[in-house]
Amino acid sequence: MPESSTATAAAKTRTRKPRLDRVCAEAVELARAAAEEAGDGVGEHLSVEAEAERVVTHYFDCELSGYRGWRWAVVLSRAPRARTATVSETALLPGPDALRPPAWVPWSDRLEAGEVGTGEVLPTGEDDDRLMPAYCYSEDDGVEDIAYELGLGRKRVMNREGRTETARRWYEGDRGPNAPISEAAPLSARCGTCGFYLPLAGSMRVAFGACANLYSSEDAKVVSADHGCGAHSEIGEFVDTTPQGVVQSETIYDDEGSEEL
């Protein structure tokens, strides 16, 4: 036989489904007794499947509350030329339509923006993708003084990836140009031209700053330079702010509350 034909025959032998062993397949009561010893709620016999030569698995319906679609599985096997089967393993397994709990998600992946509240702490991992090493301590007092002035005393700072992700989140959020309050404001009343706009430091300065207008709903919040609201410092240049439909009345003096001296 050619070598290629031999290899093909061997591959078919490896992938061929094992034959169901008659002795193990007929030992249904042995499998049931093993399942009942392992737990409760053993129901009707569902099926038997061949696992390997002289090895089968019996499946029984599970009638326990909360285990809809689960099955008791009992593995039976026998030695060559043996006339009786023995129990190898028993387990409660989910079937194709079993009711299962949702896949577990690590807490770090379940966190959403703004979830850390008052009194709560959130540790930042050493391998956080948003941060990178910033500064190493120097024993020279002069160097340390300069570092303090430049703001280099932090152990880690945000890297470009972290800053980019933050800028995108801020820009697409409630303080960006597409927020409802921004779209309702006059087109020219943008934060970047407002006297109450305090630009951020570093690379974020180009696009973001903090609002310092006491009367604005954005006060003390980071806004994009092209964000806007009706409290722009020069709002009178963009819209007519004179009272509409209001007639100033004449001055009236109340003499009854006066007293001659």
C-alpha atoms as a PDB file:
ATOM      1  CA  MET A   1       0.000   0.000   0.000  1.00  0.00           C
ATOM      2  CA  PRO A   2       1.410   3.475  -0.878  1.00  0.00           C
ATOM      3  CA  GLU A   3       2.533   5.665   2.039  1.00  0.00           C
ATOM      4  CA  SER A   4      -0.175   8.271   1.352  1.00  0.00           C
ATOM      5  CA  SER A   5      -2.911   5.611   1.488  1.00  0.00           C
ATOM      6  CA  THR A   6      -1.549   4.324   4.792  1.00  0.00           C
ATOM      7  CA  ALA A   7      -1.617   7.835   6.290  1.00  0.00           C
ATOM      8  CA  THR A   8      -5.202   8.366   5.093  1.00  0.00           C
ATOM      9  CA  ALA A   9      -6.334   5.081   6.623  1.00  0.00           C
ATOM     10  CA  ALA A  10      -4.673   5.969   9.923  1.00  0.00           C
ATOM     11  CA  ALA A  11      -6.383   9.369   9.973  1.00  0.00           C
ATOM     12  CA  LYS A  12      -9.782   7.768   9.393  1.00  0.00           C
ATOM     13  CA  THR A  13      -9.112   5.339  12.240  1.00  0.00           C
ATOM     14  CA  ARG A  14      -8.323   8.201  14.608  1.00  0.00           C
ATOM     15  CA  THR A  15     -11.457  10.185  13.693  1.00  0.00           C
ATOM     16  CA  ARG A  16     -13.840   7.203  13.616  1.00  0.00           C
ATOM     17  CA  LYS A  17     -16.448   7.284  16.363  1.00  0.00           C
ATOM     18  CA  PRO A  18     -15.920   4.484  18.912  1.00  0.00           C
ATOM     19  CA  ARG A  19     -18.386   1.600  18.909  1.00  0.00           C
ATOM     20  CA  LEU A  20     -20.930   1.531  21.735  1.00  0.00           C
ATOM     21  CA  ASP A  21     -20.013  -1.193  24.204  1.00  0.00           C
ATOM     22  CA  ARG A  22     -23.068  -3.408  24.809  1.00  0.00           C
ATOM     23  CA  VAL A  23     -22.217  -4.435  28.378  1.00  0.00           C
ATOM     24  CA  CYS A  24     -21.651  -0.841  29.548  1.00  0.00           C
ATOM     25  CA  ALA A  25     -24.645   0.473  27.589  1.00  0.00           C
ATOM     26  CA  GLU A  26     -27.023  -2.022  29.209  1.00  0.00           C
ATOM     27  CA  ALA A  27     -25.854  -1.216  32.761  1.00  0.00           C
ATOM     28  CA  VAL A  28     -28.432   1.566  33.147  1.00  0.00           C
ATOM     29  CA  GLU A  29     -29.399   0.648  36.725  1.00  0.00           C
ATOM     30  CA  LEU A  30     -25.741   0.626  37.793  1.00  0.00           C
ATOM     31  CA  ALA A  31     -25.341   4.125  36.363  1.00  0.00           C
ATOM     32  CA  ARG A  32     -28.566   5.299  38.042  1.00  0.00           C
ATOM     33  CA  ALA A  33     -27.458   3.980  41.419  1.00  0.00           C
ATOM     34  CA  ALA A  34     -24.138   5.846  41.043  1.00  0.00           C
ATOM     35  CA  ALA A  35     -25.940   9.093  40.146  1.00  0.00           C
ATOM     36  CA  GLU A  36     -28.351   8.774  43.097  1.00  0.00           C
ATOM     37  CA  GLU A  37     -25.407   8.193  45.409  1.00  0.00           C
ATOM     38  CA  ALA A  38     -23.747  11.365  44.108  1.00  0.00           C
ATOM     39  CA  GLY A  39     -26.772  13.652  44.512  1.00  0.00           C
ATOM     40  CA  ASP A  40     -30.523  14.189  44.409  1.00  0.00           C
ATOM     41  CA  GLY A  41     -32.988  14.803  41.609  1.00  0.00           C
ATOM     42  CA  VAL A  42     -31.990  11.933  39.291  1.00  0.00           C
ATOM     43  CA  GLY A  43     -34.726  11.700  36.655  1.00  0.00           C
ATOM     44  CA  GLU A  44     -35.351   9.610  33.586  1.00  0.00           C
ATOM     45  CA  HIS A  45     -32.570   8.044  31.540  1.00  0.00           C
ATOM     46  CA  LEU A  46     -31.919  10.297  28.534  1.00  0.00           C
ATOM     47  CA  SER A  47     -29.200   8.646  26.464  1.00  0.00           C
ATOM     48  CA  VAL A  48     -25.945   6.713  26.413  1.00  0.00           C
ATOM     49  CA  GLU A  49     -22.915   7.711  24.336  1.00  0.00           C
ATOM     50  CA  ALA A  50     -19.680   5.929  23.512  1.00  0.00           C
ATOM     51  CA  GLU A  51     -16.579   7.806  24.699  1.00  0.00           C
ATOM     52  CA  ALA A  52     -13.851   5.275  23.844  1.00  0.00           C
ATOM     53  CA  GLU A  53     -13.426   1.523  23.523  1.00  0.00           C
ATOM     54  CA  ARG A  54     -15.417  -0.079  26.367  1.00  0.00           C
ATOM     55  CA  VAL A  55     -16.189   3.367  27.855  1.00  0.00           C
ATOM     56  CA  VAL A  56     -19.661   4.971  27.763  1.00  0.00           C
ATOM     57  CA  THR A  57     -21.474   7.872  29.441  1.00  0.00           C
ATOM     58  CA  HIS A  58     -25.063   7.532  30.670  1.00  0.00           C
ATOM     59  CA  TYR A  59     -27.118  10.738  30.930  1.00  0.00           C
ATOM     60  CA  PHE A  60     -30.034  11.215  33.325  1.00  0.00           C
ATOM     61  CA  ASP A  61     -32.366  14.192  33.557  1.00  0.00           C
ATOM     62  CA  CYS A  62     -31.774  16.433  36.600  1.00  0.00           C
ATOM     63  CA  GLU A  63     -34.982  17.363  38.426  1.00  0.00           C
ATOM     64  CA  LEU A  64     -33.443  19.705  40.984  1.00  0.00           C
ATOM     65  CA  SER A  65     -34.996  23.169  41.201  1.00  0.00           C
ATOM     66  CA  GLY A  66     -32.877  25.758  39.434  1.00  0.00           C
ATOM     67  CA  TYR A  67     -31.067  23.191  37.258  1.00  0.00           C
ATOM     68  CA  ARG A  68     -33.284  23.236  34.188  1.00  0.00           C
ATOM     69  CA  GLY A  69     -31.573  21.483  31.286  1.00  0.00           C
ATOM     70  CA  TRP A  70     -28.789  19.979  33.431  1.00  0.00           C
ATOM     71  CA  ARG A  71     -27.964  16.261  33.320  1.00  0.00           C
ATOM     72  CA  TRP A  72     -26.422  13.716  35.625  1.00  0.00           C
ATOM     73  CA  ALA A  73     -23.559  12.058  33.720  1.00  0.00           C
ATOM     74  CA  VAL A  74     -22.162   8.673  34.787  1.00  0.00           C
ATOM     75  CA  VAL A  75     -19.148   7.183  33.021  1.00  0.00           C
ATOM     76  CA  LEU A  76     -18.958   3.371  32.946  1.00  0.00           C
ATOM     77  CA  SER A  77     -16.118   1.218  31.678  1.00  0.00           C
ATOM     78  CA  ARG A  78     -15.008  -2.397  31.729  1.00  0.00           C
ATOM     79  CA  ALA A  79     -11.748  -4.266  31.388  1.00  0.00           C
ATOM     80  CA  PRO A  80     -11.045  -6.394  28.283  1.00  0.00           C
ATOM     81  CA  ARG A  81     -13.054  -9.656  28.351  1.00  0.00           C
ATOM     82  CA  ALA A  82     -14.794  -8.557  31.575  1.00  0.00           C
ATOM     83  CA  ARG A  83     -18.554  -9.248  31.695  1.00  0.00           C
ATOM     84  CA  THR A  84     -19.486  -6.465  34.113  1.00  0.00           C
ATOM     85  CA  ALA A  85     -19.149  -2.684  33.992  1.00  0.00           C
ATOM     86  CA  THR A  86     -17.707  -0.450  36.718  1.00  0.00           C
ATOM     87  CA  VAL A  87     -18.330   3.188  37.588  1.00  0.00           C
ATOM     88  CA  SER A  88     -15.476   5.505  36.627  1.00  0.00           C
ATOM     89  CA  GLU A  89     -16.894   8.994  37.233  1.00  0.00           C
ATOM     90  CA  THR A  90     -20.104  10.842  38.130  1.00  0.00           C
ATOM     91  CA  ALA A  91     -20.844  14.527  37.511  1.00  0.00           C
ATOM     92  CA  LEU A  92     -23.672  17.027  37.088  1.00  0.00           C
ATOM     93  CA  LEU A  93     -23.204  18.709  33.696  1.00  0.00           C
ATOM     94  CA  PRO A  94     -25.110  21.371  31.733  1.00  0.00           C
ATOM     95  CA  GLY A  95     -26.964  20.203  28.641  1.00  0.00           C
ATOM     96  CA  PRO A  96     -27.345  22.122  25.366  1.00  0.00           C
ATOM     97  CA  ASP A  97     -30.346  24.086  26.705  1.00  0.00           C
ATOM     98  CA  ALA A  98     -29.194  24.327  30.322  1.00  0.00           C
ATOM     99  CA  LEU A  99     -29.904  27.387  32.423  1.00  0.00           C
ATOM    100  CA  ARG A 100     -26.454  28.767  33.262  1.00  0.00           C
ATOM    101  CA  PRO A 101     -25.189  31.811  35.143  1.00  0.00           C
ATOM    102  CA  PRO A 102     -23.743  34.610  33.004  1.00  0.00           C
ATOM    103  CA  ALA A 103     -20.020  34.518  32.308  1.00  0.00           C
ATOM    104  CA  TRP A 104     -18.000  36.034  35.124  1.00  0.00           C
ATOM    105  CA  VAL A 105     -16.495  39.408  34.283  1.00  0.00           C
ATOM    106  CA  PRO A 106     -13.545  40.768  36.350  1.00  0.00           C
ATOM    107  CA  TRP A 107     -14.457  43.771  38.490  1.00  0.00           C
ATOM    108  CA  SER A 108     -11.960  45.933  36.610  1.00  0.00           C
ATOM    109  CA  ASP A 109     -13.916  45.293  33.380  1.00  0.00           C
ATOM    110  CA  ARG A 110     -17.278  45.981  35.030  1.00  0.00           C
ATOM    111  CA  LEU A 111     -16.374  49.486  36.195  1.00  0.00           C
ATOM    112  CA  GLU A 112     -18.008  52.363  34.376  1.00  0.00           C
ATOM    113  CA  ALA A 113     -17.135  56.037  34.240  1.00  0.00           C
ATOM    114  CA  GLY A 114     -17.847  57.905  37.452  1.00  0.00           C
ATOM    115  CA  GLU A 115     -18.593  54.815  39.602  1.00  0.00           C
ATOM    116  CA  VAL A 116     -16.102  55.628  42.354  1.00  0.00           C
ATOM    117  CA  GLY A 117     -18.157  57.507  44.922  1.00  0.00           C
ATOM    118  CA  THR A 118     -17.638  59.244  48.245  1.00  0.00           C
ATOM    119  CA  GLY A 119     -15.622  57.147  50.685  1.00  0.00           C
ATOM    120  CA  GLU A 120     -14.657  54.565  48.037  1.00  0.00           C
ATOM    121  CA  VAL A 121     -11.134  53.848  46.780  1.00  0.00           C
ATOM    122  CA  LEU A 122      -9.965  52.495  43.427  1.00  0.00           C
ATOM    123  CA  PRO A 123      -6.358  51.237  43.210  1.00  0.00           C
ATOM    124  CA  THR A 124      -4.516  51.842  39.939  1.00  0.00           C
ATOM    125  CA  GLY A 125      -2.533  48.870  38.674  1.00  0.00           C
ATOM    126  CA  GLU A 126       1.198  49.060  38.087  1.00  0.00           C
ATOM    127  CA  ASP A 127       0.619  48.078  34.454  1.00  0.00           C
ATOM    128  CA  ASP A 128      -2.147  50.613  33.742  1.00  0.00           C
ATOM    129  CA  ASP A 129      -1.979  51.372  29.999  1.00  0.00           C
ATOM    130  CA  ARG A 130      -2.787  55.048  30.559  1.00  0.00           C
ATOM    131  CA  LEU A 131       0.277  55.829  32.693  1.00  0.00           C
ATOM    132  CA  MET A 132       4.041  55.910  32.263  1.00  0.00           C
ATOM    133  CA  PRO A 133       6.998  56.671  34.577  1.00  0.00           C
ATOM    134  CA  ALA A 134       7.421  60.405  35.116  1.00  0.00           C
ATOM    135  CA  TYR A 135      10.314  61.246  37.388  1.00  0.00           C
ATOM    136  CA  CYS A 136      12.998  59.616  39.531  1.00  0.00           C
ATOM    137  CA  TYR A 137      13.975  61.179  42.846  1.00  0.00           C
ATOM    138  CA  SER A 138      17.263  63.071  42.970  1.00  0.00           C
ATOM    139  CA  GLU A 139      19.266  63.600  46.160  1.00  0.00           C
ATOM    140  CA  ASP A 140      20.305  67.062  44.924  1.00  0.00           C
ATOM    141  CA  ASP A 141      18.145  69.652  46.726  1.00  0.00           C
ATOM    142  CA  GLY A 142      18.572  72.105  43.878  1.00  0.00           C
ATOM    143  CA  VAL A 143      17.251  69.609  41.352  1.00  0.00           C
ATOM    144  CA  GLU A 144      14.347  68.768  43.635  1.00  0.00           C
ATOM    145  CA  ASP A 145      13.401  72.442  43.976  1.00  0.00           C
ATOM    146  CA  ILE A 146      13.284  72.840  40.198  1.00  0.00           C
ATOM    147  CA  ALA A 147      11.346  69.578  39.850  1.00  0.00           C
ATOM    148  CA  TYR A 148       8.767  70.838  42.320  1.00  0.00           C
ATOM    149  CA  GLU A 149       8.361  74.101  40.421  1.00  0.00           C
ATOM    150  CA  LEU A 150       7.892  72.228  37.141  1.00  0.00           C
ATOM    151  CA  GLY A 151       5.468  69.738  38.666  1.00  0.00           C
ATOM    152  CA  LEU A 152       7.753  66.733  38.159  1.00  0.00           C
ATOM    153  CA  GLY A 153       7.340  65.264  41.610  1.00  0.00           C
ATOM    154  CA  ARG A 154       4.794  62.635  40.570  1.00  0.00           C
ATOM    155  CA  LYS A 155       5.792  59.006  40.201  1.00  0.00           C
ATOM    156  CA  ARG A 156       3.719  58.461  37.046  1.00  0.00           C
ATOM    157  CA  VAL A 157       1.994  60.638  34.473  1.00  0.00           C
ATOM    158  CA  MET A 158      -0.414  59.910  31.647  1.00  0.00           C
ATOM    159  CA  ASN A 159       1.140  58.717  28.411  1.00  0.00           C
ATOM    160  CA  ARG A 160      -0.031  59.704  24.936  1.00  0.00           C
ATOM    161  CA  GLU A 161      -2.484  56.807  24.730  1.00  0.00           C
ATOM    162  CA  GLY A 162      -4.059  57.784  28.042  1.00  0.00           C
ATOM    163  CA  ARG A 163      -4.323  61.453  27.091  1.00  0.00           C
ATOM    164  CA  THR A 164      -5.812  60.626  23.702  1.00  0.00           C
ATOM    165  CA  GLU A 165      -8.453  58.370  25.251  1.00  0.00           C
ATOM    166  CA  THR A 166      -9.305  61.037  27.823  1.00  0.00           C
ATOM    167  CA  ALA A 167      -9.556  63.790  25.209  1.00  0.00           C
ATOM    168  CA  ARG A 168     -11.869  61.665  23.092  1.00  0.00           C
ATOM    169  CA  ARG A 169     -14.095  60.845  26.087  1.00  0.00           C
ATOM    170  CA  TRP A 170     -14.347  64.492  27.155  1.00  0.00           C
ATOM    171  CA  TYR A 171     -14.915  65.764  23.623  1.00  0.00           C
ATOM    172  CA  GLU A 172     -17.711  63.278  22.915  1.00  0.00           C
ATOM    173  CA  GLY A 173     -19.320  63.773  26.332  1.00  0.00           C
ATOM    174  CA  ASP A 174     -21.537  66.383  27.959  1.00  0.00           C
ATOM    175  CA  ARG A 175     -18.823  69.077  27.850  1.00  0.00           C
ATOM    176  CA  GLY A 176     -18.049  68.794  24.144  1.00  0.00           C
ATOM    177  CA  PRO A 177     -19.377  70.725  21.138  1.00  0.00           C
ATOM    178  CA  ASN A 178     -22.261  68.310  20.503  1.00  0.00           C
ATOM    179  CA  ALA A 179     -23.805  68.530  23.983  1.00  0.00           C
ATOM    180  CA  PRO A 180     -27.392  69.866  24.027  1.00  0.00           C
ATOM    181  CA  ILE A 181     -26.416  72.992  26.009  1.00  0.00           C
ATOM    182  CA  SER A 182     -23.665  73.735  23.499  1.00  0.00           C
ATOM    183  CA  GLU A 183     -25.896  73.287  20.449  1.00  0.00           C
ATOM    184  CA  ALA A 184     -28.517  75.586  22.012  1.00  0.00           C
ATOM    185  CA  ALA A 185     -25.976  78.377  22.627  1.00  0.00           C
ATOM    186  CA  PRO A 186     -25.157  81.001  19.979  1.00  0.00           C
ATOM    187  CA  LEU A 187     -22.767  79.599  17.384  1.00  0.00           C
ATOM    188  CA  SER A 188     -20.068  82.160  18.175  1.00  0.00           C
ATOM    189  CA  ALA A 189     -20.354  81.819  21.966  1.00  0.00           C
ATOM    190  CA  ARG A 190     -17.623  79.221  22.344  1.00  0.00           C
ATOM    191  CA  CYS A 191     -15.718  78.595  25.587  1.00  0.00           C
ATOM    192  CA  GLY A 192     -12.325  79.214  24.015  1.00  0.00           C
ATOM    193  CA  THR A 193     -13.183  82.902  23.585  1.00  0.00           C
ATOM    194  CA  CYS A 194     -14.847  83.330  26.985  1.00  0.00           C
ATOM    195  CA  GLY A 195     -13.183  85.344  29.719  1.00  0.00           C
ATOM    196  CA  PHE A 196     -14.130  82.701  32.290  1.00  0.00           C
ATOM    197  CA  TYR A 197     -12.278  79.947  30.388  1.00  0.00           C
ATOM    198  CA  LEU A 198      -9.103  78.693  32.139  1.00  0.00           C
ATOM    199  CA  PRO A 199      -7.000  76.579  29.715  1.00  0.00           C
ATOM    200  CA  LEU A 200      -5.508  73.359  31.037  1.00  0.00           C
ATOM    201  CA  ALA A 201      -1.752  72.833  31.158  1.00  0.00           C
ATOM    202  CA  GLY A 202       0.335  70.691  28.826  1.00  0.00           C
ATOM    203  CA  SER A 203      -0.868  69.138  25.602  1.00  0.00           C
ATOM    204  CA  MET A 204      -4.520  69.280  26.720  1.00  0.00           C
ATOM    205  CA  ARG A 205      -4.327  73.093  26.738  1.00  0.00           C
ATOM    206  CA  VAL A 206      -4.999  73.253  23.011  1.00  0.00           C
ATOM    207  CA  ALA A 207      -8.494  71.804  23.270  1.00  0.00           C
ATOM    208  CA  PHE A 208      -9.671  71.912  26.896  1.00  0.00           C
ATOM    209  CA  GLY A 209     -10.020  74.207  29.872  1.00  0.00           C
ATOM    210  CA  ALA A 210     -12.010  74.681  33.071  1.00  0.00           C
ATOM    211  CA  CYS A 211     -15.092  76.884  33.316  1.00  0.00           C
ATOM    212  CA  ALA A 212     -14.846  79.476  36.105  1.00  0.00           C
ATOM    213  CA  ASN A 213     -18.172  81.264  35.633  1.00  0.00           C
ATOM    214  CA  LEU A 214     -20.072  81.076  38.917  1.00  0.00           C
ATOM    215  CA  TYR A 215     -23.421  81.394  37.153  1.00  0.00           C
ATOM    216  CA  SER A 216     -22.832  78.798  34.456  1.00  0.00           C
ATOM    217  CA  SER A 217     -23.977  75.189  34.862  1.00  0.00           C
ATOM    218  CA  GLU A 218     -20.491  74.217  33.631  1.00  0.00           C
ATOM    219  CA  ASP A 219     -18.693  75.984  36.510  1.00  0.00           C
ATOM    220  CA  ALA A 220     -15.686  73.973  37.832  1.00  0.00           C
ATOM    221  CA  LYS A 221     -15.977  71.479  34.966  1.00  0.00           C
ATOM    222  CA  VAL A 222     -13.610  70.726  32.111  1.00  0.00           C
ATOM    223  CA  VAL A 223     -15.035  71.868  28.775  1.00  0.00           C
ATOM    224  CA  SER A 224     -13.767  71.774  25.221  1.00  0.00           C
ATOM    225  CA  ALA A 225     -12.682  75.031  23.614  1.00  0.00           C
ATOM    226  CA  ASP A 226     -15.550  74.744  21.114  1.00  0.00           C
ATOM    227  CA  HIS A 227     -18.147  73.990  23.787  1.00  0.00           C
ATOM    228  CA  GLY A 228     -20.593  76.764  24.567  1.00  0.00           C
ATOM    229  CA  CYS A 229     -23.349  78.007  26.829  1.00  0.00           C
ATOM    230  CA  GLY A 230     -25.473  81.105  27.359  1.00  0.00           C
ATOM    231  CA  ALA A 231     -23.177  82.502  30.066  1.00  0.00           C
ATOM    232  CA  HIS A 232     -20.335  83.512  27.715  1.00  0.00           C
ATOM    233  CA  SER A 233     -18.569  86.619  29.023  1.00  0.00           C
ATOM    234  CA  GLU A 234     -19.259  88.476  25.757  1.00  0.00           C
ATOM    235  CA  ILE A 235     -22.700  87.039  25.046  1.00  0.00           C
ATOM    236  CA  GLY A 236     -24.022  90.523  24.272  1.00  0.00           C
ATOM    237  CA  GLU A 237     -21.905  90.621  21.126  1.00  0.00           C
ATOM    238  CA  PHE A 238     -23.586  87.519  19.710  1.00  0.00           C
ATOM    239  CA  VAL A 239     -27.244  87.997  20.632  1.00  0.00           C
ATOM    240  CA  ASP A 240     -29.545  90.864  21.572  1.00  0.00           C
ATOM    241  CA  THR A 241     -29.738  90.784  25.362  1.00  0.00           C
ATOM    242  CA  THR A 242     -32.077  93.765  25.820  1.00  0.00           C
ATOM    243  CA  PRO A 243     -35.364  92.848  27.535  1.00  0.00           C
ATOM    244  CA  GLN A 244     -38.076  92.037  25.033  1.00  0.00           C
ATOM    245  CA  GLY A 245     -41.692  93.103  25.643  1.00  0.00           C
ATOM    246  CA  VAL A 246     -40.867  94.910  28.900  1.00  0.00           C
ATOM    247  CA  VAL A 247     -41.800  98.595  29.286  1.00  0.00           C
ATOM    248  CA  GLN A 248     -40.036 100.502  32.040  1.00  0.00           C
ATOM    249  CA  SER A 249     -42.571 102.210  34.314  1.00  0.00           C
ATOM    250  CA  GLU A 250     -42.173 105.678  35.778  1.00  0.00           C
ATOM    251  CA  THR A 251     -40.516 106.042  39.129  1.00  0.00           C
ATOM    252  CA  ILE A 252     -42.999 105.976  42.007  1.00  0.00           C
ATOM    253  CA  TYR A 253     -42.315 107.339  45.486  1.00  0.00           C
ATOM    254  CA  ASP A 254     -44.160 106.029  48.530  1.00  0.00           C
ATOM    255  CA  ASP A 255     -44.588 109.005  50.870  1.00  0.00           C
ATOM    256  CA  GLU A 256     -46.613 107.137  53.481  1.00  0.00           C
ATOM    257  CA  GLY A 257     -43.487 105.581  54.887  1.00  0.00           C
ATOM    258  CA  SER A 258     -41.757 108.964  55.235  1.00  0.00           C
ATOM    259  CA  GLU A 259     -41.311 110.854  58.453  1.00  0.00           C
ATOM    260  CA  GLU A 260     -40.604 114.564  58.839  1.00  0.00           C
ATOM    261  CA  LEU A 261     -37.567 115.487  60.919  1.00  0.00           C
END
